[in-house]
Amino acid sequence: MWPLTVYEIPMTKVEKLERTVSSYIKKWLGLPRCLSNIGLYGHGALELPVSSLTEEYKCTKVRLNMILTESQDGMIQRLPQTGNWEEVDAI
């Protein structure tokens, strides 16, 4: 997940990449193409050991935001927020 922290990747690219990854995971596991992402990445009795790329992306961005805002360096704390969705709201 390090590249998601270092580079500013648009959410649409992450979602497109997740669709590609999901299709390959379904094909590899022999699951039907119509299986939703809830069935693939959901938490429950039949939970698979994979997580959604968009969820990982959002968690990574929130983690980065927390690291930067809780920094002791004043310059780092005053960095402008970027992105289409607010990481602060996700915290």
Protein backbone atom coordinates (compact mmCIF):
# COMPACT_ATOMS: atom_id res chain seq x y z
CA MET A 1 0.00 0.00 0.00
CA TRP A 2 3.04 2.28 0.09
CA PRO A 3 2.48 3.63 -3.48
CA LEU A 4 -1.01 4.72 -2.42
CA THR A 5 0.58 6.81 0.32
CA VAL A 6 3.37 8.31 -1.74
CA TYR A 7 1.52 9.14 -4.96
CA GLU A 8 -1.67 11.15 -5.40
CA ILE A 9 -3.84 8.62 -7.24
CA PRO A 10 -7.40 9.62 -8.17
CA MET A 11 -10.18 7.58 -6.59
CA THR A 12 -11.54 6.72 -10.06
CA LYS A 13 -8.25 5.01 -10.95
CA VAL A 14 -8.32 3.05 -7.70
CA GLU A 15 -11.92 1.96 -8.38
CA LYS A 16 -11.01 0.91 -11.93
CA LEU A 17 -8.03 -1.07 -10.63
CA GLU A 18 -10.26 -2.72 -8.03
CA ARG A 19 -12.72 -3.82 -10.73
CA THR A 20 -9.84 -5.40 -12.65
CA VAL A 21 -8.43 -7.08 -9.54
CA SER A 22 -11.89 -8.32 -8.50
CA SER A 23 -12.53 -9.89 -11.89
CA TYR A 24 -9.22 -11.77 -11.74
CA ILE A 25 -9.87 -12.91 -8.15
CA LYS A 26 -13.31 -14.21 -9.14
CA LYS A 27 -11.86 -16.01 -12.15
CA TRP A 28 -9.02 -17.49 -10.08
CA LEU A 29 -11.41 -18.72 -7.37
CA GLY A 30 -13.93 -20.02 -9.90
CA LEU A 31 -16.65 -17.67 -8.65
CA PRO A 32 -19.41 -16.37 -10.91
CA ARG A 33 -18.83 -12.96 -12.52
CA CYS A 34 -22.15 -11.73 -11.13
CA LEU A 35 -20.94 -12.10 -7.52
CA SER A 36 -21.00 -8.66 -5.90
CA ASN A 37 -18.09 -7.07 -4.12
CA ILE A 38 -20.00 -7.48 -0.87
CA GLY A 39 -19.78 -11.24 -1.33
CA LEU A 40 -16.12 -11.01 -2.25
CA TYR A 41 -14.87 -8.52 0.33
CA GLY A 42 -17.61 -8.69 2.99
CA HIS A 43 -17.03 -9.65 6.58
CA GLY A 44 -19.02 -12.61 7.79
CA ALA A 45 -19.08 -16.36 8.15
CA LEU A 46 -17.45 -17.01 4.77
CA GLU A 47 -14.96 -14.16 4.90
CA LEU A 48 -12.12 -14.38 2.38
CA PRO A 49 -8.64 -13.19 3.40
CA VAL A 50 -8.69 -10.33 0.86
CA SER A 51 -9.71 -6.74 1.34
CA SER A 52 -11.13 -4.15 -1.00
CA LEU A 53 -8.57 -1.93 -2.70
CA THR A 54 -10.77 1.15 -2.26
CA GLU A 55 -11.11 0.44 1.47
CA GLU A 56 -7.34 0.00 1.75
CA TYR A 57 -6.85 3.24 -0.20
CA LYS A 58 -9.18 5.16 2.10
CA CYS A 59 -7.58 3.69 5.23
CA THR A 60 -4.13 4.57 3.90
CA LYS A 61 -5.18 8.16 3.22
CA VAL A 62 -6.75 8.49 6.68
CA ARG A 63 -3.61 7.03 8.26
CA LEU A 64 -1.43 9.50 6.32
CA ASN A 65 -3.68 12.38 7.36
CA MET A 66 -3.42 11.37 11.01
CA ILE A 67 0.36 11.09 10.76
CA LEU A 68 0.61 14.55 9.24
CA THR A 69 -1.87 16.32 11.52
CA GLU A 70 -0.46 14.78 14.68
CA SER A 71 3.10 15.67 13.71
CA GLN A 72 5.05 17.86 16.13
CA ASP A 73 6.39 19.90 13.19
CA GLY A 74 4.26 23.01 12.63
CA MET A 75 5.06 23.16 8.90
CA ILE A 76 3.75 19.63 8.43
CA GLN A 77 0.55 20.40 10.33
CA ARG A 78 -0.23 23.35 8.05
CA LEU A 79 0.00 21.38 4.80
CA PRO A 80 -3.14 21.85 2.68
CA GLN A 81 -5.68 19.04 2.50
CA THR A 82 -6.14 17.48 -0.94
CA GLY A 83 -8.59 14.98 -2.37
CA ASN A 84 -12.24 14.71 -3.29
CA TRP A 85 -13.36 13.18 -0.03
CA GLU A 86 -12.43 14.38 3.41
CA GLU A 87 -10.13 12.07 5.31
CA VAL A 88 -10.98 14.03 8.46
CA ASP A 89 -14.64 12.98 8.16
CA ALA A 90 -13.54 9.34 7.89
CA ILE A 91 -11.62 9.53 11.17
